[in-house]
Protein backbone atom coordinates (compact mmCIF):
# COMPACT_ATOMS: atom_id res chain seq x y z
CA MET A 1 -46.20 -4.72 -67.68
CA THR A 2 -48.73 -2.34 -66.98
CA LEU A 3 -47.99 1.32 -65.45
CA ILE A 4 -50.15 4.12 -63.96
CA LEU A 5 -49.64 7.40 -65.49
CA PRO A 6 -51.61 10.67 -65.63
CA LYS A 7 -54.58 10.64 -68.36
CA GLY A 8 -53.52 12.72 -71.60
CA LEU A 9 -49.52 12.13 -70.80
CA ASP A 10 -47.96 11.46 -74.31
CA LEU A 11 -44.44 10.66 -73.36
CA LYS A 12 -43.51 10.19 -77.05
CA ALA A 13 -44.95 13.44 -78.54
CA ILE A 14 -43.00 15.48 -75.72
CA GLU A 15 -39.95 13.57 -76.55
CA LYS A 16 -40.54 14.35 -80.26
CA GLN A 17 -41.18 18.22 -79.40
CA PHE A 18 -38.08 18.62 -76.81
CA PRO A 19 -35.67 15.60 -77.37
CA PRO A 20 -33.74 14.83 -74.17
CA GLN A 21 -30.26 16.32 -74.34
CA PHE A 22 -28.73 13.71 -72.03
CA PRO A 23 -27.57 10.10 -72.68
CA ALA A 24 -29.36 6.83 -72.16
CA TYR A 25 -32.38 8.21 -71.83
CA LYS A 26 -35.48 6.10 -72.21
CA THR A 27 -39.12 6.44 -72.40
CA ASP A 28 -39.65 3.20 -70.15
CA LYS A 29 -37.36 4.95 -67.55
CA LEU A 30 -39.18 8.13 -67.22
CA ALA A 31 -42.42 6.13 -67.29
CA TYR A 32 -41.54 4.05 -64.39
CA ILE A 33 -40.13 7.18 -62.16
CA LEU A 34 -43.65 8.78 -62.91
CA HIS A 35 -45.76 5.81 -61.90
CA ALA A 36 -43.79 5.54 -58.80
CA ILE A 37 -44.85 9.16 -58.09
CA ALA A 38 -48.64 8.09 -58.96
CA THR A 39 -48.65 4.99 -56.71
CA ILE A 40 -46.47 5.33 -53.78
CA PRO A 41 -49.21 6.94 -52.00
CA VAL A 42 -51.79 3.92 -52.90
CA TYR A 43 -49.44 1.26 -51.39
CA ASN A 44 -48.70 3.40 -48.20
CA LYS A 45 -51.55 5.56 -47.46
CA ASN A 46 -49.92 6.44 -43.94
CA ILE A 47 -46.70 7.79 -45.89
CA LYS A 48 -45.80 11.20 -44.89
CA LEU A 49 -47.19 13.61 -47.58
CA HIS A 50 -46.11 17.50 -47.78
CA ASP A 51 -48.68 19.63 -49.58
CA ASP A 52 -49.52 16.66 -51.65
CA TYR A 53 -45.58 16.00 -52.72
CA VAL A 54 -44.56 12.32 -52.60
CA PRO A 55 -41.67 11.43 -51.18
CA LEU A 56 -39.03 9.13 -53.86
CA SER A 57 -36.36 7.17 -52.42
CA SER A 58 -33.00 7.62 -54.48
CA LYS A 59 -31.91 4.45 -52.68
CA ILE A 60 -34.68 2.52 -54.39
CA LEU A 61 -34.76 4.40 -57.81
CA GLU A 62 -31.24 3.88 -58.40
CA GLY A 63 -31.28 0.06 -58.27
CA LEU A 64 -33.92 0.18 -60.70
CA VAL A 65 -33.04 3.30 -63.04
CA ASP A 66 -29.19 3.88 -62.89
CA ASN A 67 -29.48 7.51 -64.54
CA TYR A 68 -32.84 8.48 -62.81
CA LYS A 69 -31.42 12.17 -61.88
CA PRO A 70 -31.59 13.45 -65.38
CA HIS A 71 -35.00 11.78 -66.01
CA ILE A 72 -36.48 13.61 -63.18
CA ASN A 73 -35.02 16.58 -64.03
CA TYR A 74 -36.33 16.37 -67.81
CA ALA A 75 -39.39 15.86 -66.35
CA ILE A 76 -39.54 19.04 -64.31
CA GLU A 77 -38.52 20.99 -67.19
CA ARG A 78 -41.22 19.45 -69.42
CA GLY A 79 -43.82 20.80 -66.73
CA ILE A 80 -44.95 17.26 -65.79
CA ILE A 81 -43.70 17.30 -62.52
CA GLU A 82 -42.52 19.71 -59.77
CA VAL A 83 -40.13 19.62 -56.67
CA ASN A 84 -40.89 20.76 -53.23
CA THR A 85 -38.22 23.24 -53.05
CA ASP A 86 -39.60 23.96 -49.16
CA LYS A 87 -38.90 20.57 -47.76
CA ASN A 88 -35.01 20.32 -46.72
CA TYR A 89 -33.50 17.46 -48.64
CA LEU A 90 -30.80 15.59 -46.19
CA SER A 91 -29.12 12.47 -48.16
CA GLY A 92 -30.10 9.46 -46.16
CA VAL A 93 -32.55 11.22 -43.50
CA TYR A 94 -35.27 12.99 -45.94
CA CYS A 95 -36.01 11.82 -49.55
CA LYS A 96 -36.60 14.63 -52.06
CA HIS A 97 -40.58 15.21 -52.81
CA TYR A 98 -42.24 15.72 -55.93
CA ARG A 99 -46.09 15.65 -57.19
CA PHE A 100 -47.68 16.23 -60.64
CA THR A 101 -48.26 19.57 -62.11
CA VAL A 102 -51.77 20.44 -62.30
CA PRO A 103 -52.68 19.38 -66.04
CA TYR A 104 -51.24 15.95 -64.94
CA ARG A 105 -53.45 15.12 -61.78
CA ASP A 106 -55.72 12.75 -63.51
CA LEU A 107 -54.21 9.53 -62.84
CA SER A 108 -56.34 7.33 -65.23
CA GLY A 109 -53.80 6.68 -67.87
CA THR A 110 -51.87 3.46 -68.49
CA TYR A 111 -48.57 2.85 -70.10
CA GLU A 112 -47.14 -0.66 -71.26
CA LEU A 113 -43.71 -1.15 -70.10
CA ILE A 114 -41.63 -3.00 -72.96
CA ASP A 115 -37.88 -2.29 -71.85
CA VAL A 116 -36.37 -6.00 -70.67
CA CYS A 117 -33.83 -4.86 -68.70
CA LEU A 118 -36.09 -2.46 -66.50
CA ILE A 119 -38.85 -5.50 -66.31
CA ARG A 120 -36.19 -7.82 -65.21
CA LYS A 121 -34.93 -5.63 -62.40
CA LEU A 122 -38.72 -4.94 -61.37
CA LYS A 123 -39.34 -8.65 -61.15
CA GLU A 124 -36.21 -9.16 -58.95
CA TYR A 125 -37.03 -6.37 -56.56
CA GLN A 126 -40.80 -7.75 -56.38
CA ARG A 127 -39.00 -11.46 -55.56
CA LYS A 128 -36.70 -9.85 -53.41
CA GLN A 129 -39.61 -8.12 -51.21
CA LYS A 130 -41.43 -11.55 -51.25
CA THR A 131 -38.22 -13.20 -50.03
CA ASP A 132 -37.93 -10.51 -47.37
CA ASN A 133 -41.36 -11.08 -46.28
CA LYS A 134 -41.36 -14.95 -46.36
CA ASN A 135 -41.57 -14.79 -42.48
CA TYR A 136 -45.18 -13.60 -42.81
CA ASP A 137 -46.22 -16.35 -45.18
CA TYR A 138 -48.69 -17.11 -42.82
CA LEU A 139 -50.59 -13.65 -43.51
CA ASN A 140 -49.14 -13.51 -47.32
CA ARG A 141 -50.95 -16.44 -48.22
CA TRP A 142 -54.53 -15.03 -48.01
CA PHE A 143 -53.78 -12.54 -50.78
CA ASN A 144 -54.97 -14.67 -53.59
CA PRO A 145 -57.71 -14.86 -56.12
CA ASN A 146 -60.34 -15.36 -53.29
CA LEU A 147 -60.02 -11.95 -52.19
CA LYS A 148 -62.20 -10.01 -54.50
CA ILE A 149 -63.75 -6.65 -54.35
CA ASP A 150 -67.10 -5.58 -56.19
CA TYR A 151 -65.18 -3.13 -58.69
CA ASP A 152 -68.23 -1.66 -60.49
CA LEU A 153 -70.00 -0.58 -57.03
CA VAL A 154 -66.85 0.82 -55.75
CA GLN A 155 -66.27 2.91 -59.25
CA ASP A 156 -70.12 4.12 -58.99
CA PHE A 157 -69.50 4.91 -55.45
CA LEU A 158 -66.35 6.95 -55.46
CA LYS A 159 -67.77 9.21 -58.63
CA GLU A 160 -70.75 10.11 -56.60
CA GLU A 161 -68.45 10.86 -53.48
CA PHE A 162 -66.23 13.06 -55.42
CA PHE A 163 -69.00 15.05 -56.71
CA PHE A 164 -70.41 15.84 -53.44
CA LYS A 165 -66.84 16.55 -52.04
CA GLU A 166 -65.54 18.49 -54.71
CA ASN A 167 -68.60 20.88 -55.06
CA PHE A 168 -69.30 21.38 -51.21
CA VAL A 169 -66.16 21.97 -48.77
CA ASN A 170 -68.45 21.11 -45.69
CA LEU A 171 -68.79 17.60 -46.66
CA ARG A 172 -64.98 16.85 -47.01
CA ASP A 173 -62.91 14.61 -45.06
CA TYR A 174 -60.64 16.40 -41.91
CA SER A 175 -57.27 15.44 -41.04
CA PHE A 176 -56.58 16.09 -37.59
CA VAL A 177 -53.11 15.20 -38.28
CA LYS A 178 -52.56 17.77 -40.68
CA ASN A 179 -55.07 19.81 -39.36
CA LYS A 180 -56.80 20.43 -42.93
CA HIS A 181 -59.42 19.19 -45.08
CA LYS A 182 -58.24 16.04 -47.57
CA CYS A 183 -58.26 16.91 -50.95
CA PRO A 184 -61.08 15.45 -52.87
CA TYR A 185 -59.48 14.79 -56.15
CA GLN A 186 -56.42 13.16 -54.52
CA GLN A 187 -58.77 10.98 -52.43
CA TYR A 188 -60.71 10.03 -55.41
CA GLU A 189 -57.67 9.11 -57.58
CA TYR A 190 -55.68 7.07 -54.69
CA SER A 191 -59.09 5.20 -53.80
CA LYS A 192 -59.55 4.29 -57.38
CA LEU A 193 -56.09 3.01 -57.96
CA SER A 194 -56.14 1.04 -54.64
CA ALA A 195 -59.33 -0.80 -55.90
CA GLN A 196 -57.96 -1.31 -59.30
CA PHE A 197 -54.87 -3.16 -58.19
CA LEU A 198 -56.76 -5.52 -55.83
CA HIS A 199 -59.23 -6.16 -58.43
CA SER A 200 -56.43 -7.11 -60.81
CA GLY A 201 -54.55 -9.07 -58.41
CA GLN A 202 -51.71 -6.83 -57.99
CA PHE A 203 -51.28 -7.27 -54.23
CA ARG A 204 -48.60 -5.88 -52.04
CA PHE A 205 -47.30 -6.63 -48.53
CA LYS A 206 -44.19 -5.10 -46.79
CA VAL A 207 -43.22 -4.87 -43.33
CA ASP A 208 -41.96 -1.36 -42.45
CA GLY A 209 -38.09 -1.65 -40.96
CA LEU A 210 -38.87 0.90 -38.25
CA VAL A 211 -42.13 -0.20 -36.50
CA TYR A 212 -42.79 -3.36 -38.15
CA ARG A 213 -45.95 -2.52 -39.17
CA TYR A 214 -47.56 -4.95 -41.86
CA HIS A 215 -48.32 -2.90 -44.80
CA THR A 216 -50.62 -4.59 -47.65
CA SER A 217 -53.48 -4.19 -49.81
CA LEU A 218 -55.94 -3.76 -47.19
CA THR A 219 -54.11 -1.28 -44.50
CA ASN A 220 -53.65 0.95 -47.71
CA MET A 221 -57.55 1.03 -48.57
CA ARG A 222 -60.05 3.47 -47.17
CA GLY A 223 -61.84 2.16 -44.61
CA ILE A 224 -65.29 2.71 -46.59
CA ILE A 225 -63.89 0.77 -49.37
CA ARG A 226 -63.36 -2.44 -47.76
CA ASN A 227 -66.91 -3.03 -47.35
CA ALA A 228 -66.64 -3.66 -51.00
CA LEU A 229 -64.46 -6.71 -50.18
CA THR A 230 -65.33 -10.71 -49.98
CA TYR A 231 -63.05 -13.72 -49.62
CA ASP A 232 -64.41 -16.82 -51.18
CA GLY A 233 -67.68 -15.35 -51.76
CA LYS A 234 -68.03 -14.82 -47.96
CA GLN A 235 -68.76 -11.65 -45.88
CA LEU A 236 -65.59 -10.23 -43.89
CA VAL A 237 -65.46 -8.82 -40.38
CA ALA A 238 -62.75 -6.87 -38.39
CA VAL A 239 -62.40 -7.05 -34.75
CA ASP A 240 -59.99 -4.13 -33.41
CA ILE A 241 -58.81 -2.58 -30.36
CA SER A 242 -60.80 0.33 -29.29
CA ASN A 243 -58.53 3.49 -28.60
CA SER A 244 -55.49 1.36 -29.03
CA GLN A 245 -52.67 3.63 -28.51
CA PRO A 246 -53.91 4.91 -25.01
CA TYR A 247 -54.77 0.88 -24.29
CA LEU A 248 -51.10 0.39 -25.37
CA SER A 249 -49.86 3.03 -23.28
CA LEU A 250 -50.88 1.08 -20.23
CA LEU A 251 -47.75 -1.15 -20.80
CA LEU A 252 -45.66 2.00 -20.46
CA LEU A 253 -47.54 3.04 -17.40
CA ASP A 254 -46.72 -0.62 -15.47
CA VAL A 255 -43.45 -0.40 -13.37
CA HIS A 256 -42.86 -3.91 -14.28
CA PHE A 257 -42.21 -3.00 -17.89
CA TRP A 258 -39.42 -0.32 -17.02
CA GLU A 259 -38.00 -3.07 -14.47
CA ARG A 260 -37.29 -5.72 -16.84
CA PHE A 261 -36.30 -2.95 -19.51
CA TYR A 262 -33.56 -1.70 -16.81
CA GLN A 263 -32.61 -5.61 -16.37
CA ILE A 264 -31.89 -5.84 -20.34
CA LEU A 265 -30.01 -2.64 -20.23
CA ALA A 266 -27.98 -3.70 -17.42
CA GLU A 267 -27.24 -6.97 -19.13
CA LYS A 268 -26.02 -4.93 -22.20
CA GLN A 269 -23.83 -2.94 -20.07
CA LYS A 270 -22.18 -5.59 -18.32
CA LYS A 271 -22.12 -7.71 -21.24
CA CYS A 272 -23.91 -10.54 -20.42
CA LYS A 273 -24.39 -13.95 -22.28
CA LYS A 274 -26.87 -13.41 -25.00
CA ASN A 275 -29.23 -15.89 -23.66
CA SER A 276 -29.01 -14.90 -20.16
CA GLU A 277 -32.82 -14.70 -18.75
CA PRO A 278 -34.42 -13.61 -15.21
CA HIS A 279 -35.07 -16.44 -12.63
CA ASP A 280 -38.59 -15.26 -12.24
CA TYR A 281 -40.20 -17.56 -15.12
CA SER A 282 -43.79 -16.64 -14.44
CA ARG A 283 -42.79 -13.41 -16.35
CA LEU A 284 -40.37 -14.79 -18.75
CA PHE A 285 -42.67 -13.90 -21.49
CA LEU A 286 -42.83 -10.28 -20.62
CA TYR A 287 -38.92 -10.28 -20.30
CA LYS A 288 -38.59 -11.70 -23.72
CA PHE A 289 -41.00 -9.44 -25.56
CA ILE A 290 -39.41 -6.30 -23.90
CA LYS A 291 -36.06 -7.62 -25.13
CA GLU A 292 -37.58 -8.23 -28.64
CA ILE A 293 -38.94 -4.67 -28.53
CA ASP A 294 -35.54 -3.10 -27.53
CA ARG A 295 -34.06 -4.98 -30.43
CA ARG A 296 -36.37 -3.48 -32.70
CA ILE A 297 -35.85 0.19 -31.69
CA ASN A 298 -32.20 0.16 -31.67
CA LYS A 299 -32.30 -1.52 -34.99
CA GLY A 300 -34.55 1.26 -36.62
CA LEU A 301 -33.12 4.17 -35.07
CA LYS A 302 -29.56 3.15 -35.84
CA ASN A 303 -27.85 4.00 -32.64
CA ASP A 304 -29.75 7.64 -32.68
CA ILE A 305 -30.34 7.15 -28.99
CA SER A 306 -27.24 6.55 -26.79
CA ILE A 307 -27.83 3.43 -24.11
CA THR A 308 -27.09 6.05 -21.20
CA SER A 309 -30.02 8.36 -22.58
CA ILE A 310 -31.98 5.27 -22.23
CA ILE A 311 -30.88 4.10 -18.67
CA MET A 312 -31.59 7.67 -17.70
CA LEU A 313 -35.02 7.34 -19.08
CA VAL A 314 -35.77 4.08 -17.81
CA GLU A 315 -34.61 5.23 -14.44
CA SER A 316 -36.93 8.39 -14.57
CA MET A 317 -39.91 6.22 -15.55
CA LEU A 318 -39.74 4.22 -12.29
CA LYS A 319 -39.53 7.33 -10.28
CA LEU A 320 -42.59 8.91 -12.33
CA ILE A 321 -44.66 5.89 -12.37
CA ASN A 322 -44.02 4.88 -8.66
CA THR A 323 -45.12 8.50 -7.49
CA MET A 324 -48.27 8.57 -9.89
CA ASP A 325 -51.79 9.72 -8.48
CA GLU A 326 -53.51 6.50 -7.93
CA GLU A 327 -56.75 7.60 -8.36
CA GLU A 328 -56.15 9.24 -12.02
CA PHE A 329 -54.34 6.33 -13.19
CA THR A 330 -57.31 4.18 -12.08
CA ILE A 331 -59.75 6.32 -13.84
CA TYR A 332 -57.26 6.40 -17.06
CA ARG A 333 -56.86 2.59 -16.91
CA ASP A 334 -60.53 1.98 -16.54
CA LYS A 335 -61.72 4.46 -19.53
CA VAL A 336 -59.02 3.31 -21.53
CA CYS A 337 -60.23 -0.64 -21.02
CA LYS A 338 -63.79 0.14 -21.45
CA GLY A 339 -63.38 2.07 -24.78
CA LYS A 340 -64.58 5.38 -23.19
CA LEU A 341 -61.65 7.61 -22.74
CA TYR A 342 -62.93 10.04 -25.62
CA ASP A 343 -66.41 10.00 -24.38
CA TYR A 344 -65.02 10.87 -20.77
CA LEU A 345 -62.53 13.37 -22.19
CA LEU A 346 -65.50 15.11 -24.04
CA LEU A 347 -67.67 14.90 -20.97
CA ARG A 348 -65.17 16.40 -18.63
CA PHE A 349 -64.12 19.34 -21.34
CA GLN A 350 -67.84 20.19 -21.39
CA GLU A 351 -68.20 20.19 -17.66
CA HIS A 352 -65.13 21.70 -16.40
CA TYR A 353 -64.52 24.23 -19.19
CA LYS A 354 -67.89 24.89 -20.12
CA LEU A 355 -67.17 23.99 -23.71
CA TYR A 356 -70.46 22.66 -24.75
CA THR A 357 -69.82 22.72 -28.70
CA ILE A 358 -67.08 20.74 -28.42
CA THR A 359 -67.28 17.12 -30.02
CA ARG A 360 -65.88 13.90 -29.49
CA ASP A 361 -63.35 14.37 -32.56
CA ASP A 362 -61.82 17.48 -30.41
CA ALA A 363 -61.57 15.06 -27.70
CA LYS A 364 -59.75 12.46 -29.87
CA VAL A 365 -57.44 15.41 -31.07
CA ALA A 366 -56.44 16.12 -27.53
CA VAL A 367 -55.22 12.68 -27.00
CA LEU A 368 -53.30 12.69 -30.64
CA GLN A 369 -51.78 15.71 -29.28
CA ALA A 370 -50.75 14.59 -25.87
CA PHE A 371 -49.43 11.21 -27.70
CA PHE A 372 -47.69 12.55 -30.78
CA SER A 373 -46.82 16.20 -30.60
CA ASP A 374 -43.73 17.76 -29.88
CA ASN A 375 -43.65 18.64 -26.30
CA ARG A 376 -42.69 22.37 -27.17
CA PHE A 377 -46.09 22.08 -29.20
CA LEU A 378 -47.88 22.83 -25.79
CA ALA A 379 -47.21 26.50 -26.20
CA HIS A 380 -48.73 27.05 -29.40
CA PRO A 381 -52.25 28.53 -29.71
CA LYS A 382 -53.58 25.41 -31.34
CA ALA A 383 -52.63 23.23 -28.61
CA LYS A 384 -55.36 23.55 -26.22
CA PRO A 385 -56.89 20.18 -26.33
CA LYS A 386 -53.40 19.09 -25.50
CA LEU A 387 -53.19 21.16 -22.66
CA MET A 388 -56.90 20.28 -21.47
CA PHE A 389 -55.80 16.38 -21.40
CA LYS A 390 -52.63 17.58 -19.49
CA GLN A 391 -54.64 19.13 -16.67
CA GLU A 392 -57.28 16.29 -16.84
CA PHE A 393 -54.47 13.47 -16.53
CA GLU A 394 -51.38 15.13 -15.25
CA ASP A 395 -49.17 12.57 -14.43
CA VAL A 396 -50.12 10.16 -17.39
CA TYR A 397 -48.71 13.18 -19.21
CA GLN A 398 -45.82 13.69 -17.73
CA VAL A 399 -44.61 9.81 -18.63
CA LEU A 400 -45.56 10.47 -22.22
CA ALA A 401 -43.61 13.84 -22.26
CA ALA A 402 -40.62 12.31 -20.31
CA ILE A 403 -40.38 9.36 -23.31
CA LYS A 404 -40.73 12.05 -25.92
CA ARG A 405 -37.83 14.12 -24.30
CA VAL A 406 -35.24 11.54 -25.10
CA TYR A 407 -36.19 11.39 -28.60
CA LYS A 408 -39.40 13.34 -30.17
CA GLU A 409 -40.51 10.14 -32.28
CA LEU A 410 -39.90 7.61 -29.57
CA LEU A 411 -43.40 7.28 -28.13
CA PRO A 412 -44.87 6.35 -31.11
CA ILE A 413 -41.95 4.51 -32.30
CA LEU A 414 -42.34 2.41 -28.90
CA LEU A 415 -46.15 2.14 -29.21
CA GLN A 416 -46.34 0.95 -32.86
CA ASN A 417 -43.61 -1.70 -31.99
CA ILE A 418 -45.55 -2.97 -29.28
CA GLU A 419 -48.88 -3.23 -31.36
CA SER A 420 -47.19 -4.58 -34.56
CA TYR A 421 -45.36 -7.37 -32.19
CA LEU A 422 -48.74 -8.33 -30.68
CA VAL A 423 -50.87 -8.05 -33.22
CA ILE A 424 -48.71 -10.06 -35.85
CA GLU A 425 -46.28 -11.90 -33.79
CA ILE A 426 -48.17 -13.11 -31.06
CA ILE A 427 -52.03 -12.94 -31.99
CA ALA A 428 -51.82 -13.67 -35.69
CA LYS A 429 -49.24 -16.23 -35.41
CA ARG A 430 -51.13 -18.03 -32.77
CA ILE A 431 -54.35 -17.76 -34.65
CA SER A 432 -52.75 -19.27 -37.79
CA LYS A 433 -51.39 -22.13 -36.01
CA GLU A 434 -54.49 -23.27 -33.90
CA HIS A 435 -56.80 -22.50 -37.12
CA PRO A 436 -54.95 -22.76 -40.16
CA LYS A 437 -57.67 -22.85 -42.47
CA MET A 438 -59.24 -19.95 -41.54
CA PRO A 439 -58.71 -16.68 -43.43
CA LEU A 440 -56.77 -13.92 -41.77
CA PHE A 441 -55.50 -10.51 -42.47
CA THR A 442 -54.31 -7.76 -40.18
CA ILE A 443 -54.86 -3.52 -40.42
CA HIS A 444 -52.42 -2.46 -37.71
CA ASP A 445 -54.43 -2.71 -34.62
CA SER A 446 -57.21 -4.95 -36.22
CA LEU A 447 -57.60 -8.50 -37.21
CA VAL A 448 -60.11 -9.54 -40.05
CA THR A 449 -61.54 -12.99 -41.00
CA THR A 450 -64.65 -14.10 -42.51
CA VAL A 451 -68.29 -13.90 -40.93
CA GLY A 452 -68.58 -16.84 -38.51
CA ASN A 453 -65.11 -16.79 -37.13
CA GLU A 454 -65.04 -13.69 -35.57
CA HIS A 455 -65.43 -15.21 -31.99
CA ILE A 456 -62.26 -16.86 -32.35
CA LEU A 457 -60.53 -13.38 -32.97
CA GLN A 458 -62.31 -11.96 -30.01
CA ARG A 459 -61.25 -14.80 -27.74
CA ILE A 460 -57.51 -15.01 -28.59
CA MET A 461 -57.12 -11.10 -28.98
CA THR A 462 -58.47 -10.76 -25.29
CA GLU A 463 -56.51 -13.60 -23.93
CA GLU A 464 -53.39 -12.34 -25.60
CA LEU A 465 -53.72 -8.73 -25.11
CA THR A 466 -54.45 -9.41 -21.38
CA ARG A 467 -51.60 -11.44 -20.68
CA TYR A 468 -49.08 -9.03 -22.01
CA VAL A 469 -50.74 -5.37 -21.47
CA GLY A 470 -51.81 -6.93 -18.00
CA HIS A 471 -55.52 -5.42 -18.78
CA ALA A 472 -58.31 -6.60 -20.43
CA PRO A 473 -58.87 -4.48 -23.65
CA HIS A 474 -62.09 -3.31 -25.01
CA LEU A 475 -62.54 -4.67 -28.85
CA LYS A 476 -65.16 -3.41 -31.55
CA THR A 477 -66.51 -5.77 -33.97
CA GLU A 478 -67.10 -4.38 -37.64
CA TYR A 479 -68.93 -6.27 -40.23
CA TRP A 480 -68.02 -5.38 -43.64
CA GLU A 481 -71.08 -4.76 -45.67
CA PRO A 482 -71.35 -3.22 -49.43
CA GLU A 483 -74.80 -1.39 -47.89
CA LYS A 484 -72.37 0.72 -46.08
CA LEU A 485 -71.14 2.58 -49.15
CA GLY A 486 -74.76 3.76 -50.08
CA GLN A 487 -75.51 4.83 -46.22
CA HIS A 488 -72.06 6.79 -46.37
CA LEU A 489 -73.47 8.69 -49.50
CA ASP A 490 -76.95 9.11 -47.83
CA LYS A 491 -75.04 10.92 -44.75
CA LEU A 492 -73.52 13.21 -46.90
CA LYS A 493 -76.68 14.13 -48.81
CA GLY A 494 -78.32 14.63 -45.24
CA LYS A 495 -75.22 17.13 -44.34
CA LEU A 496 -76.13 18.84 -47.53
CA SER A 497 -79.62 19.19 -46.75
CA ALA A 498 -78.98 20.27 -43.30
């Protein structure tokens, strides 16, 4: 079993010079812990890194490496890794975060695991993950040797891209979430590893326990790299929901959603029969859908929010939505459904605020801040985009803020649960039943298949999303083409010459 380690890291030489002073030390155990730090961001690109420190779950580690703590301390003492002392650790809530020290940030080394006991535990852990995800076999089965990547093309592309981004700051990608440029070297290493894993057939799939997102080798790969993928020698195409989070928010702005939610909560309090259902059979699917979302949220949050707080939220939602300005909602709904929300905001910001240098990305930041930042962030100097969104869509903003007032993470949790349920459980499952021989992958708010089948995705996505959300979505179709890698490099060169 091959592990990924920093280049030039000779654990045997370090052990010889500095013998570990604790019992049951094993090189393989330390190698696996370091491998975990190296690969966790590759397996989940959406994981929250704090200044490039990687979270290590003690709950998972202790099942694989019984005495992991002294091994980690040894690695710290020997200057291989460092711990984030600024990040508060709280057992059961926050994991400790680690990163490699500067001499060990080239992740191109390997290590062959030989410890029989550890290999057995790792295989058991992998088998358990597969068992836990067996309900998603209709998606898992497409991760097979037919899914290929042009590995040489990707390697050459990443080297050239890294050269430009490392030497010219203005060419680096910008993270609007972290409000800073992405690290070129880290981006290079993780992109290289994700391509390497897929090339060698090391597929991963895992369902998030909080929002039920389906994380795979594709979701964890950079979008530009996916252009080098094919299935059974055929080109791939993705169909995604334009401005998906604002689109799904239309459901939260629908009074029927909260009326059904209120009914479910009332049944809980009265301890009604488990299978009680409404008499309005024309909306039965919506009732069952909301009941599932309620179950997921309660399971994920583990009773962090009381039912009383949720009932108060629902009552507040009903009042806010019933008194919402109809013209404002109509504009918001129409722009969202046409995939024009960011363009509309950009135009309004330029006309109303005379901000002629503002870009579409700034409009996107306004939406991201309105949806996902803490309500208190509104007073922050960097919250101007959020404030402009609030002034443009006051009533919509009040609904979003009211949800976050109960629990600051509740809005993204709600929206991502809705997204994962509709995309994976409703749309992908229907496609797999009606077209069982059609390759099918999901990337959160998009579905992927081979070219020639995209019309099937478009039709079923439109039908199901319209049925559940109540409004037809705007879908965007993107063909994955290897030529786009070269076009991406040409754009970087063009920016440099400009």
